[in-house]
């Protein structure tokens, strides 16, 4: 886990320290995003971000129910509560176009087997994702994206009644976001 944190911090430092013109300060932007996937899965999401130049930092919280085709044998329900922080680097100005970045998260899975017995599994997650922001207006955008999440803890098998539950090591995700962004002018 410490190695993952060191890599994330190093990537944050290098991408925010190099390659940006300091002659004309860019305004800081803040934004709010909504993602389609949690709503499709009978949940919700809240995402806030702040960024400057080509980099942004995002915090999100989501709840969703895993779809039936994703559930392991003997598991009837899996409700996920996820908190995450991520760093995203854009290859174009104004937070438009292609972006990539790592993230860290904490997921809590509330599980129920087919006999009605419940259990909880907590995991720390390392993610890497990317997408493409399409500008709709000066402040409104949409972003199809994809990510791969990897459990770095909470991945041991355990029993829920008579059901052996094995958490997935890797979880792919694909969705589309709708976001708004606003510049915060720097005072002179």
N, C-alpha and C. Protein backbone atom coordinates (compact mmCIF):
# COMPACT_ATOMS: atom_id res chain seq x y z
N UNK A 1 0.82 -1.19 0.00
CA UNK A 1 0.00 0.00 0.00
C UNK A 1 0.88 1.26 0.00
N UNK A 2 1.98 1.23 0.75
CA UNK A 2 2.86 2.40 0.79
C UNK A 2 3.47 2.67 -0.58
N UNK A 3 3.80 1.62 -1.31
CA UNK A 3 4.35 1.79 -2.65
C UNK A 3 3.34 2.48 -3.57
N UNK A 4 2.08 2.06 -3.49
CA UNK A 4 1.02 2.68 -4.29
C UNK A 4 0.88 4.16 -3.95
N UNK A 5 0.91 4.48 -2.65
CA UNK A 5 0.81 5.88 -2.24
C UNK A 5 2.00 6.69 -2.73
N UNK A 6 3.18 6.13 -2.66
CA UNK A 6 4.38 6.83 -3.14
C UNK A 6 4.30 7.11 -4.64
N UNK A 7 3.85 6.13 -5.41
CA UNK A 7 3.70 6.32 -6.86
C UNK A 7 2.68 7.41 -7.16
N UNK A 8 1.56 7.39 -6.45
CA UNK A 8 0.52 8.40 -6.65
C UNK A 8 1.05 9.79 -6.31
N UNK A 9 1.72 9.93 -5.17
CA UNK A 9 2.25 11.24 -4.78
C UNK A 9 3.33 11.72 -5.74
N UNK A 10 4.18 10.83 -6.21
CA UNK A 10 5.21 11.20 -7.17
C UNK A 10 4.57 11.67 -8.48
N UNK A 11 3.54 10.97 -8.93
CA UNK A 11 2.87 11.39 -10.17
C UNK A 11 2.18 12.74 -9.99
N UNK A 12 1.61 12.98 -8.84
CA UNK A 12 0.99 14.28 -8.57
C UNK A 12 2.03 15.39 -8.60
N UNK A 13 3.17 15.17 -7.96
CA UNK A 13 4.21 16.19 -7.87
C UNK A 13 4.81 16.48 -9.24
N UNK A 14 5.13 15.45 -10.00
CA UNK A 14 5.80 15.68 -11.28
C UNK A 14 4.87 16.34 -12.29
N UNK A 15 3.61 15.96 -12.33
CA UNK A 15 2.73 16.56 -13.33
C UNK A 15 2.29 17.96 -12.97
N UNK A 16 2.33 18.32 -11.70
CA UNK A 16 1.96 19.69 -11.34
C UNK A 16 3.16 20.60 -11.26
N UNK A 17 4.36 20.05 -11.23
CA UNK A 17 5.57 20.86 -11.09
C UNK A 17 6.24 21.20 -12.41
N UNK A 18 6.06 20.39 -13.44
CA UNK A 18 6.77 20.58 -14.68
C UNK A 18 5.81 20.81 -15.84
N UNK A 19 6.29 21.51 -16.85
CA UNK A 19 5.55 21.62 -18.10
C UNK A 19 4.46 22.66 -18.12
N UNK A 20 4.38 23.52 -17.13
CA UNK A 20 3.35 24.53 -17.11
C UNK A 20 3.99 25.91 -17.11
N UNK A 21 3.47 26.76 -17.94
CA UNK A 21 3.99 28.12 -18.03
C UNK A 21 3.61 28.89 -16.79
N UNK A 22 4.62 29.47 -16.14
CA UNK A 22 4.36 30.26 -14.93
C UNK A 22 4.22 31.74 -15.26
N UNK A 23 4.35 32.13 -16.55
CA UNK A 23 4.29 33.54 -16.91
C UNK A 23 2.87 34.10 -16.81
N UNK A 24 1.86 33.29 -17.08
CA UNK A 24 0.48 33.75 -17.02
C UNK A 24 -0.30 32.75 -16.15
N UNK A 25 -0.60 33.14 -14.91
CA UNK A 25 -1.30 32.20 -14.05
C UNK A 25 -2.67 31.82 -14.62
N UNK A 26 -2.94 30.54 -14.63
CA UNK A 26 -4.24 30.06 -15.09
C UNK A 26 -5.23 30.14 -13.95
N UNK A 27 -6.49 30.38 -14.26
CA UNK A 27 -7.48 30.38 -13.19
C UNK A 27 -7.68 28.96 -12.65
N UNK A 28 -8.03 28.90 -11.42
CA UNK A 28 -8.41 27.62 -10.81
C UNK A 28 -9.85 27.35 -11.20
N UNK A 29 -10.14 26.11 -11.57
CA UNK A 29 -11.50 25.72 -11.91
C UNK A 29 -12.02 24.76 -10.84
N UNK A 30 -13.30 24.82 -10.60
CA UNK A 30 -13.99 23.83 -9.77
C UNK A 30 -15.11 23.23 -10.60
N UNK A 31 -15.48 22.01 -10.26
CA UNK A 31 -16.53 21.36 -11.03
C UNK A 31 -17.30 20.34 -10.22
N UNK A 32 -18.45 20.01 -10.77
CA UNK A 32 -19.34 18.99 -10.21
C UNK A 32 -19.66 18.03 -11.35
N UNK A 33 -19.63 16.73 -11.06
CA UNK A 33 -19.96 15.74 -12.08
C UNK A 33 -21.00 14.76 -11.57
N UNK A 34 -21.80 14.28 -12.50
CA UNK A 34 -22.73 13.19 -12.24
C UNK A 34 -22.43 12.09 -13.24
N UNK A 35 -22.51 10.87 -12.77
CA UNK A 35 -22.19 9.71 -13.58
C UNK A 35 -23.46 8.88 -13.76
N UNK A 36 -23.67 8.37 -14.95
CA UNK A 36 -24.88 7.61 -15.26
C UNK A 36 -24.92 6.26 -14.53
N UNK A 37 -23.79 5.56 -14.43
CA UNK A 37 -23.77 4.18 -13.96
C UNK A 37 -24.40 3.96 -12.58
N UNK A 38 -24.08 4.75 -11.54
CA UNK A 38 -24.71 4.48 -10.24
C UNK A 38 -26.24 4.59 -10.27
N UNK A 39 -26.77 5.49 -11.07
CA UNK A 39 -28.23 5.63 -11.16
C UNK A 39 -28.86 4.43 -11.85
N UNK A 40 -28.18 3.91 -12.89
CA UNK A 40 -28.65 2.71 -13.56
C UNK A 40 -28.66 1.53 -12.59
N UNK A 41 -27.69 1.52 -11.66
CA UNK A 41 -27.58 0.44 -10.68
C UNK A 41 -28.29 0.77 -9.37
N UNK A 42 -29.33 1.60 -9.44
CA UNK A 42 -30.18 1.95 -8.30
C UNK A 42 -29.38 2.56 -7.16
N UNK A 43 -28.53 3.52 -7.49
CA UNK A 43 -27.72 4.20 -6.50
C UNK A 43 -27.60 5.67 -6.83
N UNK A 44 -26.52 6.27 -6.40
CA UNK A 44 -26.26 7.68 -6.67
C UNK A 44 -24.76 7.95 -6.55
N UNK A 45 -24.36 9.17 -6.97
CA UNK A 45 -22.97 9.58 -6.87
C UNK A 45 -22.90 11.08 -6.65
N UNK A 46 -21.87 11.50 -5.95
CA UNK A 46 -21.56 12.92 -5.81
C UNK A 46 -20.08 13.10 -6.07
N UNK A 47 -19.73 13.99 -7.00
CA UNK A 47 -18.33 14.21 -7.37
C UNK A 47 -18.03 15.70 -7.42
N UNK A 48 -16.93 16.09 -6.77
CA UNK A 48 -16.43 17.46 -6.81
C UNK A 48 -14.98 17.42 -7.26
N UNK A 49 -14.56 18.44 -8.00
CA UNK A 49 -13.16 18.49 -8.39
C UNK A 49 -12.66 19.93 -8.40
N UNK A 50 -11.33 20.06 -8.31
CA UNK A 50 -10.65 21.34 -8.40
C UNK A 50 -9.42 21.13 -9.25
N UNK A 51 -9.13 22.09 -10.13
CA UNK A 51 -7.99 21.91 -11.01
C UNK A 51 -7.42 23.22 -11.52
N UNK A 52 -6.21 23.09 -12.04
CA UNK A 52 -5.50 24.24 -12.61
C UNK A 52 -4.54 23.71 -13.67
N UNK A 53 -4.31 24.50 -14.71
CA UNK A 53 -3.48 24.10 -15.83
C UNK A 53 -4.05 22.83 -16.45
N UNK A 54 -3.30 21.73 -16.43
CA UNK A 54 -3.73 20.49 -17.06
C UNK A 54 -4.10 19.40 -16.06
N UNK A 55 -4.13 19.74 -14.77
CA UNK A 55 -4.32 18.74 -13.72
C UNK A 55 -5.55 19.05 -12.88
N UNK A 56 -6.21 18.01 -12.42
CA UNK A 56 -7.30 18.21 -11.48
C UNK A 56 -7.33 17.08 -10.46
N UNK A 57 -7.88 17.39 -9.31
CA UNK A 57 -8.03 16.44 -8.21
C UNK A 57 -9.53 16.27 -7.98
N UNK A 58 -9.96 15.01 -7.88
CA UNK A 58 -11.39 14.72 -7.78
C UNK A 58 -11.68 13.87 -6.54
N UNK A 59 -12.77 14.21 -5.88
CA UNK A 59 -13.27 13.44 -4.73
C UNK A 59 -14.67 12.98 -5.08
N UNK A 60 -14.97 11.71 -4.82
CA UNK A 60 -16.30 11.21 -5.14
C UNK A 60 -16.78 10.22 -4.09
N UNK A 61 -18.10 10.16 -3.98
CA UNK A 61 -18.75 9.17 -3.13
C UNK A 61 -19.92 8.60 -3.92
N UNK A 62 -20.03 7.28 -3.92
CA UNK A 62 -21.10 6.64 -4.68
C UNK A 62 -21.65 5.45 -3.91
N UNK A 63 -22.91 5.16 -4.19
CA UNK A 63 -23.54 3.93 -3.73
C UNK A 63 -24.22 3.30 -4.94
N UNK A 64 -24.09 1.99 -5.05
CA UNK A 64 -24.71 1.28 -6.18
C UNK A 64 -24.90 -0.18 -5.80
N UNK A 65 -25.82 -0.83 -6.51
CA UNK A 65 -26.05 -2.26 -6.35
C UNK A 65 -25.41 -2.98 -7.52
N UNK A 66 -24.62 -3.99 -7.22
CA UNK A 66 -23.98 -4.75 -8.29
C UNK A 66 -25.05 -5.45 -9.13
N UNK A 67 -24.90 -5.43 -10.46
CA UNK A 67 -25.88 -6.11 -11.31
C UNK A 67 -25.83 -7.62 -11.12
N UNK A 68 -26.95 -8.29 -11.38
CA UNK A 68 -27.06 -9.73 -11.15
C UNK A 68 -25.99 -10.52 -11.90
N UNK A 69 -25.66 -10.12 -13.14
CA UNK A 69 -24.67 -10.88 -13.92
C UNK A 69 -23.27 -10.76 -13.33
N UNK A 70 -23.06 -9.81 -12.40
CA UNK A 70 -21.75 -9.59 -11.80
C UNK A 70 -21.60 -10.33 -10.47
N UNK A 71 -22.72 -10.84 -9.92
CA UNK A 71 -22.70 -11.50 -8.61
C UNK A 71 -22.14 -12.91 -8.70
N UNK A 72 -21.39 -13.30 -7.69
CA UNK A 72 -20.83 -14.65 -7.61
C UNK A 72 -21.93 -15.65 -7.26
N UNK A 73 -21.66 -16.91 -7.53
CA UNK A 73 -22.62 -17.97 -7.17
C UNK A 73 -22.92 -17.93 -5.68
N UNK A 74 -24.19 -18.01 -5.33
CA UNK A 74 -24.60 -18.02 -3.93
C UNK A 74 -24.80 -16.65 -3.33
N UNK A 75 -24.49 -15.59 -4.06
CA UNK A 75 -24.67 -14.22 -3.57
C UNK A 75 -25.92 -13.63 -4.22
N UNK A 76 -26.86 -13.16 -3.41
CA UNK A 76 -28.11 -12.60 -3.92
C UNK A 76 -28.04 -11.09 -4.10
N UNK A 77 -27.23 -10.41 -3.28
CA UNK A 77 -27.15 -8.94 -3.36
C UNK A 77 -25.77 -8.47 -2.92
N UNK A 78 -25.33 -7.39 -3.54
CA UNK A 78 -24.05 -6.76 -3.20
C UNK A 78 -24.21 -5.26 -3.40
N UNK A 79 -24.37 -4.54 -2.29
CA UNK A 79 -24.47 -3.08 -2.34
C UNK A 79 -23.09 -2.51 -2.01
N UNK A 80 -22.61 -1.62 -2.88
CA UNK A 80 -21.27 -1.05 -2.73
C UNK A 80 -21.39 0.42 -2.34
N UNK A 81 -20.64 0.80 -1.31
CA UNK A 81 -20.47 2.21 -0.95
C UNK A 81 -19.00 2.52 -1.19
N UNK A 82 -18.74 3.50 -2.06
CA UNK A 82 -17.37 3.77 -2.49
C UNK A 82 -17.01 5.23 -2.30
N UNK A 83 -15.85 5.46 -1.68
CA UNK A 83 -15.28 6.80 -1.56
C UNK A 83 -13.96 6.78 -2.30
N UNK A 84 -13.70 7.81 -3.10
CA UNK A 84 -12.45 7.82 -3.85
C UNK A 84 -11.88 9.20 -4.04
N UNK A 85 -10.56 9.24 -4.19
CA UNK A 85 -9.86 10.46 -4.58
C UNK A 85 -9.03 10.10 -5.80
N UNK A 86 -8.93 11.02 -6.74
CA UNK A 86 -8.15 10.72 -7.93
C UNK A 86 -7.47 11.97 -8.47
N UNK A 87 -6.45 11.73 -9.22
CA UNK A 87 -5.71 12.77 -9.92
C UNK A 87 -5.89 12.51 -11.41
N UNK A 88 -6.20 13.56 -12.16
CA UNK A 88 -6.40 13.40 -13.59
C UNK A 88 -5.57 14.43 -14.36
N UNK A 89 -4.87 13.95 -15.37
CA UNK A 89 -4.03 14.81 -16.20
C UNK A 89 -4.68 14.92 -17.58
N UNK A 90 -4.87 16.15 -18.04
CA UNK A 90 -5.43 16.41 -19.36
C UNK A 90 -4.31 16.76 -20.34
N UNK A 91 -4.46 16.31 -21.57
CA UNK A 91 -3.47 16.59 -22.59
C UNK A 91 -3.77 17.89 -23.34
N UNK A 92 -4.93 18.49 -23.08
CA UNK A 92 -5.32 19.77 -23.67
C UNK A 92 -5.67 20.75 -22.56
N UNK A 93 -5.65 22.03 -22.90
CA UNK A 93 -6.02 23.07 -21.93
C UNK A 93 -7.52 23.05 -21.66
N UNK A 94 -7.89 23.74 -20.61
CA UNK A 94 -9.29 23.98 -20.26
C UNK A 94 -10.05 22.70 -19.92
N UNK A 95 -9.33 21.66 -19.50
CA UNK A 95 -9.93 20.39 -19.08
C UNK A 95 -10.81 19.80 -20.18
N UNK A 96 -10.26 19.80 -21.40
CA UNK A 96 -10.97 19.24 -22.55
C UNK A 96 -10.11 18.14 -23.17
N UNK A 97 -10.77 17.23 -23.85
CA UNK A 97 -10.07 16.16 -24.56
C UNK A 97 -9.67 15.00 -23.67
N UNK A 98 -8.62 14.31 -24.06
CA UNK A 98 -8.17 13.09 -23.40
C UNK A 98 -7.61 13.36 -22.01
N UNK A 99 -7.98 12.52 -21.05
CA UNK A 99 -7.42 12.58 -19.71
C UNK A 99 -7.13 11.16 -19.21
N UNK A 100 -6.13 11.07 -18.34
CA UNK A 100 -5.73 9.80 -17.71
C UNK A 100 -5.36 10.08 -16.27
N UNK A 101 -5.47 9.07 -15.42
CA UNK A 101 -5.00 9.27 -14.06
C UNK A 101 -5.30 8.14 -13.10
N UNK A 102 -4.50 8.11 -12.01
CA UNK A 102 -4.67 7.11 -10.95
C UNK A 102 -5.61 7.62 -9.86
N UNK A 103 -6.06 6.68 -9.03
CA UNK A 103 -6.89 7.04 -7.89
C UNK A 103 -6.79 6.01 -6.79
N UNK A 104 -7.21 6.43 -5.61
CA UNK A 104 -7.28 5.55 -4.44
C UNK A 104 -8.69 5.59 -3.90
N UNK A 105 -9.16 4.48 -3.36
CA UNK A 105 -10.52 4.45 -2.85
C UNK A 105 -10.69 3.49 -1.70
N UNK A 106 -11.83 3.62 -1.06
CA UNK A 106 -12.25 2.70 -0.02
C UNK A 106 -13.66 2.24 -0.38
N UNK A 107 -13.82 0.93 -0.54
CA UNK A 107 -15.12 0.35 -0.88
C UNK A 107 -15.60 -0.50 0.29
N UNK A 108 -16.88 -0.38 0.59
CA UNK A 108 -17.53 -1.27 1.55
C UNK A 108 -18.63 -2.00 0.80
N UNK A 109 -18.53 -3.33 0.77
CA UNK A 109 -19.54 -4.16 0.12
C UNK A 109 -20.43 -4.76 1.19
N UNK A 110 -21.73 -4.53 1.07
CA UNK A 110 -22.73 -5.13 1.95
C UNK A 110 -23.34 -6.29 1.18
N UNK A 111 -23.04 -7.50 1.61
CA UNK A 111 -23.38 -8.71 0.88
C UNK A 111 -24.51 -9.47 1.54
N UNK A 112 -25.28 -10.17 0.72
CA UNK A 112 -26.32 -11.07 1.22
C UNK A 112 -26.29 -12.32 0.37
N UNK A 113 -26.24 -13.49 1.03
CA UNK A 113 -26.25 -14.72 0.24
C UNK A 113 -27.69 -15.14 -0.04
N UNK A 114 -27.86 -16.23 -0.78
CA UNK A 114 -29.20 -16.67 -1.18
C UNK A 114 -30.03 -17.19 0.00
N UNK A 115 -29.39 -17.43 1.16
CA UNK A 115 -30.12 -17.84 2.37
C UNK A 115 -30.52 -16.64 3.23
N UNK A 116 -30.17 -15.43 2.80
CA UNK A 116 -30.52 -14.22 3.54
C UNK A 116 -29.51 -13.82 4.61
N UNK A 117 -28.37 -14.49 4.67
CA UNK A 117 -27.33 -14.16 5.64
C UNK A 117 -26.49 -13.01 5.07
N UNK A 118 -26.19 -12.03 5.92
CA UNK A 118 -25.47 -10.84 5.45
C UNK A 118 -24.04 -10.78 6.00
N UNK A 119 -23.21 -10.02 5.30
CA UNK A 119 -21.82 -9.80 5.71
C UNK A 119 -21.35 -8.50 5.09
N UNK A 120 -20.22 -8.03 5.59
CA UNK A 120 -19.63 -6.79 5.08
C UNK A 120 -18.16 -7.04 4.76
N UNK A 121 -17.69 -6.48 3.63
CA UNK A 121 -16.29 -6.59 3.24
C UNK A 121 -15.78 -5.19 2.91
N UNK A 122 -14.65 -4.80 3.53
CA UNK A 122 -14.06 -3.49 3.27
C UNK A 122 -12.75 -3.68 2.52
N UNK A 123 -12.52 -2.80 1.54
CA UNK A 123 -11.33 -2.92 0.68
C UNK A 123 -10.75 -1.55 0.38
N UNK A 124 -9.42 -1.51 0.28
CA UNK A 124 -8.76 -0.35 -0.29
C UNK A 124 -8.51 -0.67 -1.75
N UNK A 125 -8.71 0.34 -2.59
CA UNK A 125 -8.70 0.16 -4.04
C UNK A 125 -7.68 1.08 -4.68
N UNK A 126 -6.94 0.57 -5.66
CA UNK A 126 -6.12 1.40 -6.53
C UNK A 126 -6.77 1.35 -7.91
N UNK A 127 -6.96 2.51 -8.51
CA UNK A 127 -7.63 2.59 -9.82
C UNK A 127 -6.76 3.32 -10.82
N UNK A 128 -6.98 3.00 -12.07
CA UNK A 128 -6.40 3.79 -13.15
C UNK A 128 -7.45 3.89 -14.24
N UNK A 129 -7.68 5.12 -14.69
CA UNK A 129 -8.72 5.32 -15.68
C UNK A 129 -8.39 6.42 -16.65
N UNK A 130 -9.29 6.58 -17.59
CA UNK A 130 -9.14 7.62 -18.58
C UNK A 130 -10.44 7.85 -19.30
N UNK A 131 -10.50 8.97 -19.97
CA UNK A 131 -11.70 9.30 -20.72
C UNK A 131 -11.44 10.46 -21.65
N UNK A 132 -12.52 11.02 -22.15
CA UNK A 132 -12.42 12.13 -23.09
C UNK A 132 -13.53 13.12 -22.78
N UNK A 133 -13.16 14.35 -22.41
CA UNK A 133 -14.14 15.39 -22.14
C UNK A 133 -14.53 16.11 -23.43
N UNK A 134 -15.82 16.08 -23.74
CA UNK A 134 -16.36 16.80 -24.88
C UNK A 134 -17.07 18.05 -24.36
N UNK A 135 -16.63 19.22 -24.83
CA UNK A 135 -17.25 20.47 -24.39
C UNK A 135 -18.59 20.64 -25.09
N UNK A 136 -19.65 20.88 -24.30
CA UNK A 136 -20.97 21.16 -24.84
C UNK A 136 -21.22 22.67 -24.86
N UNK A 137 -20.79 23.36 -23.80
CA UNK A 137 -20.81 24.82 -23.71
C UNK A 137 -19.52 25.22 -22.99
N UNK A 138 -19.36 26.49 -22.68
CA UNK A 138 -18.17 26.92 -21.95
C UNK A 138 -18.09 26.31 -20.56
N UNK A 139 -19.21 25.90 -20.01
CA UNK A 139 -19.23 25.38 -18.64
C UNK A 139 -19.79 23.97 -18.53
N UNK A 140 -20.36 23.41 -19.58
CA UNK A 140 -21.00 22.10 -19.54
C UNK A 140 -20.23 21.13 -20.44
N UNK A 141 -20.00 19.92 -19.97
CA UNK A 141 -19.27 18.92 -20.76
C UNK A 141 -19.80 17.52 -20.47
N UNK A 142 -19.47 16.59 -21.33
CA UNK A 142 -19.77 15.19 -21.11
C UNK A 142 -18.47 14.40 -21.30
N UNK A 143 -18.36 13.28 -20.61
CA UNK A 143 -17.10 12.54 -20.63
C UNK A 143 -17.34 11.04 -20.56
N UNK A 144 -17.25 10.33 -21.69
CA UNK A 144 -17.21 8.86 -21.61
C UNK A 144 -15.86 8.46 -21.01
N UNK A 145 -15.87 7.42 -20.17
CA UNK A 145 -14.64 7.04 -19.49
C UNK A 145 -14.64 5.55 -19.17
N UNK A 146 -13.45 5.06 -18.85
CA UNK A 146 -13.26 3.67 -18.47
C UNK A 146 -12.20 3.62 -17.37
N UNK A 147 -12.33 2.66 -16.46
CA UNK A 147 -11.34 2.49 -15.39
C UNK A 147 -11.21 1.02 -15.03
N UNK A 148 -10.07 0.70 -14.46
CA UNK A 148 -9.84 -0.63 -13.90
C UNK A 148 -9.48 -0.44 -12.44
N UNK A 149 -10.25 -1.07 -11.55
CA UNK A 149 -10.04 -0.97 -10.11
C UNK A 149 -9.41 -2.27 -9.63
N UNK A 150 -8.43 -2.15 -8.74
CA UNK A 150 -7.75 -3.33 -8.20
C UNK A 150 -7.78 -3.27 -6.67
N UNK A 151 -8.23 -4.34 -6.06
CA UNK A 151 -8.24 -4.41 -4.59
C UNK A 151 -6.81 -4.63 -4.10
N UNK A 152 -6.37 -3.76 -3.18
CA UNK A 152 -5.06 -3.96 -2.57
C UNK A 152 -5.21 -4.48 -1.15
N UNK A 153 -6.44 -4.50 -0.64
CA UNK A 153 -6.76 -5.15 0.64
C UNK A 153 -8.21 -5.60 0.56
N UNK A 154 -8.60 -6.45 1.50
CA UNK A 154 -9.98 -6.94 1.50
C UNK A 154 -10.26 -7.93 0.39
N UNK A 155 -9.22 -8.64 -0.04
CA UNK A 155 -9.39 -9.58 -1.15
C UNK A 155 -9.29 -11.04 -0.73
N UNK A 156 -9.38 -11.32 0.58
CA UNK A 156 -9.34 -12.70 1.06
C UNK A 156 -10.73 -13.33 1.01
N UNK A 157 -10.77 -14.61 0.70
CA UNK A 157 -12.03 -15.36 0.72
C UNK A 157 -12.57 -15.41 2.14
N UNK A 158 -13.89 -15.43 2.28
CA UNK A 158 -14.51 -15.66 3.58
C UNK A 158 -15.89 -16.27 3.40
N UNK A 159 -16.43 -16.82 4.47
CA UNK A 159 -17.71 -17.51 4.42
C UNK A 159 -18.85 -16.58 4.83
N UNK A 160 -19.94 -16.65 4.08
CA UNK A 160 -21.21 -15.99 4.44
C UNK A 160 -22.19 -17.14 4.60
N UNK A 161 -22.40 -17.57 5.84
CA UNK A 161 -23.18 -18.78 6.07
C UNK A 161 -22.45 -19.96 5.44
N UNK A 162 -23.10 -20.65 4.50
CA UNK A 162 -22.47 -21.77 3.82
C UNK A 162 -21.89 -21.38 2.45
N UNK A 163 -21.91 -20.07 2.14
CA UNK A 163 -21.42 -19.59 0.84
C UNK A 163 -20.00 -19.06 0.98
N UNK A 164 -19.10 -19.56 0.15
CA UNK A 164 -17.73 -19.05 0.11
C UNK A 164 -17.71 -17.84 -0.81
N UNK A 165 -17.35 -16.68 -0.26
CA UNK A 165 -17.30 -15.45 -1.05
C UNK A 165 -15.85 -15.10 -1.35
N UNK A 166 -15.57 -14.88 -2.63
CA UNK A 166 -14.23 -14.50 -3.07
C UNK A 166 -14.34 -13.14 -3.76
N UNK A 167 -13.85 -12.07 -3.11
CA UNK A 167 -13.91 -10.76 -3.75
C UNK A 167 -13.10 -10.72 -5.04
N UNK A 168 -13.62 -10.03 -6.02
CA UNK A 168 -12.90 -9.88 -7.30
C UNK A 168 -11.67 -9.01 -7.09
N UNK A 169 -10.54 -9.43 -7.59
CA UNK A 169 -9.31 -8.64 -7.50
C UNK A 169 -9.41 -7.42 -8.40
N UNK A 170 -9.92 -7.61 -9.62
CA UNK A 170 -10.05 -6.53 -10.59
C UNK A 170 -11.51 -6.29 -10.91
N UNK A 171 -11.88 -5.02 -10.99
CA UNK A 171 -13.25 -4.64 -11.36
C UNK A 171 -13.16 -3.60 -12.47
N UNK A 172 -13.64 -3.93 -13.67
CA UNK A 172 -13.66 -2.93 -14.74
C UNK A 172 -14.89 -2.04 -14.59
N UNK A 173 -14.80 -0.82 -15.10
CA UNK A 173 -15.94 0.09 -15.05
C UNK A 173 -15.94 0.94 -16.32
N UNK A 174 -17.13 1.18 -16.83
CA UNK A 174 -17.32 1.95 -18.04
C UNK A 174 -18.59 2.77 -17.87
N UNK A 175 -18.52 4.07 -18.17
CA UNK A 175 -19.71 4.89 -18.00
C UNK A 175 -19.55 6.20 -18.76
N UNK A 176 -20.46 7.12 -18.48
CA UNK A 176 -20.41 8.45 -19.07
C UNK A 176 -20.82 9.46 -18.00
N UNK A 177 -20.09 10.58 -17.95
CA UNK A 177 -20.35 11.62 -16.96
C UNK A 177 -20.92 12.85 -17.65
N UNK A 178 -21.64 13.63 -16.87
CA UNK A 178 -22.07 14.96 -17.27
C UNK A 178 -21.55 15.90 -16.20
N UNK A 179 -20.85 16.95 -16.61
CA UNK A 179 -20.24 17.83 -15.63
C UNK A 179 -20.38 19.29 -15.96
N UNK A 180 -20.20 20.10 -14.92
CA UNK A 180 -20.15 21.56 -15.06
C UNK A 180 -18.85 22.03 -14.43
N UNK A 181 -18.29 23.12 -14.99
CA UNK A 181 -17.05 23.66 -14.45
C UNK A 181 -17.16 25.18 -14.42
N UNK A 182 -16.52 25.75 -13.41
CA UNK A 182 -16.53 27.20 -13.23
C UNK A 182 -15.14 27.68 -12.88
N UNK A 183 -14.67 28.76 -13.54
CA UNK A 183 -13.37 29.30 -13.14
C UNK A 183 -13.50 30.15 -11.89
N UNK A 184 -12.48 30.08 -11.07
CA UNK A 184 -12.36 30.96 -9.90
C UNK A 184 -11.22 31.90 -10.23
N UNK A 185 -11.51 33.15 -10.39
CA UNK A 185 -10.48 34.13 -10.77
C UNK A 185 -9.51 34.37 -9.63
N UNK A 186 -8.24 34.42 -9.97
CA UNK A 186 -7.20 34.70 -8.99
C UNK A 186 -7.15 36.19 -8.73
N UNK A 187 -7.16 36.58 -7.46
CA UNK A 187 -7.09 38.01 -7.09
C UNK A 187 -5.65 38.51 -7.23
N UNK A 188 -5.49 39.71 -7.78
CA UNK A 188 -4.15 40.30 -7.93
C UNK A 188 -3.72 41.05 -6.70
